[in-house]
Amino acid sequence: MITQDEVRQKLIRKMQEGQQQYIAKQIGVPKQILSNFKTGKRELWESSLQALNDYLDSH
């Protein structure tokens, strides 16, 4: 099972300036939620976490 922190670290490593909004749209979550997840202010629902992990693994 993947953890919130593992996916958060993947996101930080792969994200470049301006990509956050694109990634949020691709996985179907608001940009602000993704931003708050990236900074550790919130956790994602399991379905969003899995979608983000799958996206990051494939790109």
C-alpha atoms as a PDB file:
ATOM      1  CA  MET A   1       0.000   0.000   0.000  1.00  0.00           C
ATOM      2  CA  ILE A   2       1.271   3.440  -0.881  1.00  0.00           C
ATOM      3  CA  THR A   3       1.510   6.112   1.766  1.00  0.00           C
ATOM      4  CA  GLN A   4       0.560   9.767   1.652  1.00  0.00           C
ATOM      5  CA  ASP A   5       4.178  10.768   2.233  1.00  0.00           C
ATOM      6  CA  GLU A   6       5.549   8.565  -0.566  1.00  0.00           C
ATOM      7  CA  VAL A   7       3.220  10.119  -3.127  1.00  0.00           C
ATOM      8  CA  ARG A   8       3.854  13.624  -1.737  1.00  0.00           C
ATOM      9  CA  GLN A   9       7.607  13.151  -2.242  1.00  0.00           C
ATOM     10  CA  LYS A  10       7.066  11.899  -5.812  1.00  0.00           C
ATOM     11  CA  LEU A  11       4.972  14.972  -6.539  1.00  0.00           C
ATOM     12  CA  ILE A  12       7.613  17.341  -5.170  1.00  0.00           C
ATOM     13  CA  ARG A  13      10.378  15.651  -7.181  1.00  0.00           C
ATOM     14  CA  LYS A  14       8.480  15.626 -10.467  1.00  0.00           C
ATOM     15  CA  MET A  15       6.656  18.930 -10.307  1.00  0.00           C
ATOM     16  CA  GLN A  16       8.042  21.880 -12.207  1.00  0.00           C
ATOM     17  CA  GLU A  17       6.742  25.422 -12.170  1.00  0.00           C
ATOM     18  CA  GLY A  18       3.328  25.620 -13.813  1.00  0.00           C
ATOM     19  CA  GLN A  19       2.665  21.882 -13.849  1.00  0.00           C
ATOM     20  CA  GLN A  20       0.636  21.774 -10.663  1.00  0.00           C
ATOM     21  CA  GLN A  21      -2.534  23.044 -12.327  1.00  0.00           C
ATOM     22  CA  TYR A  22      -2.076  20.609 -15.231  1.00  0.00           C
ATOM     23  CA  ILE A  23      -1.539  17.627 -12.923  1.00  0.00           C
ATOM     24  CA  ALA A  24      -4.531  18.598 -10.784  1.00  0.00           C
ATOM     25  CA  LYS A  25      -6.720  18.708 -13.890  1.00  0.00           C
ATOM     26  CA  GLN A  26      -5.409  15.359 -15.125  1.00  0.00           C
ATOM     27  CA  ILE A  27      -6.262  13.566 -11.883  1.00  0.00           C
ATOM     28  CA  GLY A  28      -9.513  15.456 -11.250  1.00  0.00           C
ATOM     29  CA  VAL A  29      -8.751  17.406  -8.080  1.00  0.00           C
ATOM     30  CA  PRO A  30      -8.739  21.164  -7.493  1.00  0.00           C
ATOM     31  CA  LYS A  31      -5.314  22.816  -7.736  1.00  0.00           C
ATOM     32  CA  GLN A  32      -5.573  24.136  -4.169  1.00  0.00           C
ATOM     33  CA  ILE A  33      -6.085  20.628  -2.789  1.00  0.00           C
ATOM     34  CA  LEU A  34      -3.010  19.414  -4.663  1.00  0.00           C
ATOM     35  CA  SER A  35      -1.050  22.411  -3.392  1.00  0.00           C
ATOM     36  CA  ASN A  36      -2.109  21.726   0.199  1.00  0.00           C
ATOM     37  CA  PHE A  37      -1.185  18.056  -0.215  1.00  0.00           C
ATOM     38  CA  LYS A  38       2.233  19.011  -1.597  1.00  0.00           C
ATOM     39  CA  THR A  39       2.971  21.185   1.428  1.00  0.00           C
ATOM     40  CA  GLY A  40       1.656  18.599   3.892  1.00  0.00           C
ATOM     41  CA  LYS A  41      -1.357  20.662   4.988  1.00  0.00           C
ATOM     42  CA  ARG A  42      -3.829  17.953   4.006  1.00  0.00           C
ATOM     43  CA  GLU A  43      -4.103  14.362   2.906  1.00  0.00           C
ATOM     44  CA  LEU A  44      -5.828  13.090  -0.210  1.00  0.00           C
ATOM     45  CA  TRP A  45      -8.718  10.683  -0.362  1.00  0.00           C
ATOM     46  CA  GLU A  46      -7.568   7.191  -1.267  1.00  0.00           C
ATOM     47  CA  SER A  47      -8.945   7.443  -4.829  1.00  0.00           C
ATOM     48  CA  SER A  48      -7.170  10.760  -5.443  1.00  0.00           C
ATOM     49  CA  LEU A  49      -3.977   9.450  -3.880  1.00  0.00           C
ATOM     50  CA  GLN A  50      -4.030   6.423  -6.171  1.00  0.00           C
ATOM     51  CA  ALA A  51      -4.803   8.578  -9.236  1.00  0.00           C
ATOM     52  CA  LEU A  52      -1.895  10.895  -8.417  1.00  0.00           C
ATOM     53  CA  ASN A  53       0.470   8.009  -7.794  1.00  0.00           C
ATOM     54  CA  ASP A  54      -0.508   6.376 -11.090  1.00  0.00           C
ATOM     55  CA  TYR A  55      -0.052   9.680 -12.934  1.00  0.00           C
ATOM     56  CA  LEU A  56       3.368  10.317 -11.402  1.00  0.00           C
ATOM     57  CA  ASP A  57       4.541   6.767 -12.149  1.00  0.00           C
ATOM     58  CA  SER A  58       3.514   7.044 -15.792  1.00  0.00           C
ATOM     59  CA  HIS A  59       5.044  10.463 -16.512  1.00  0.00           C
END
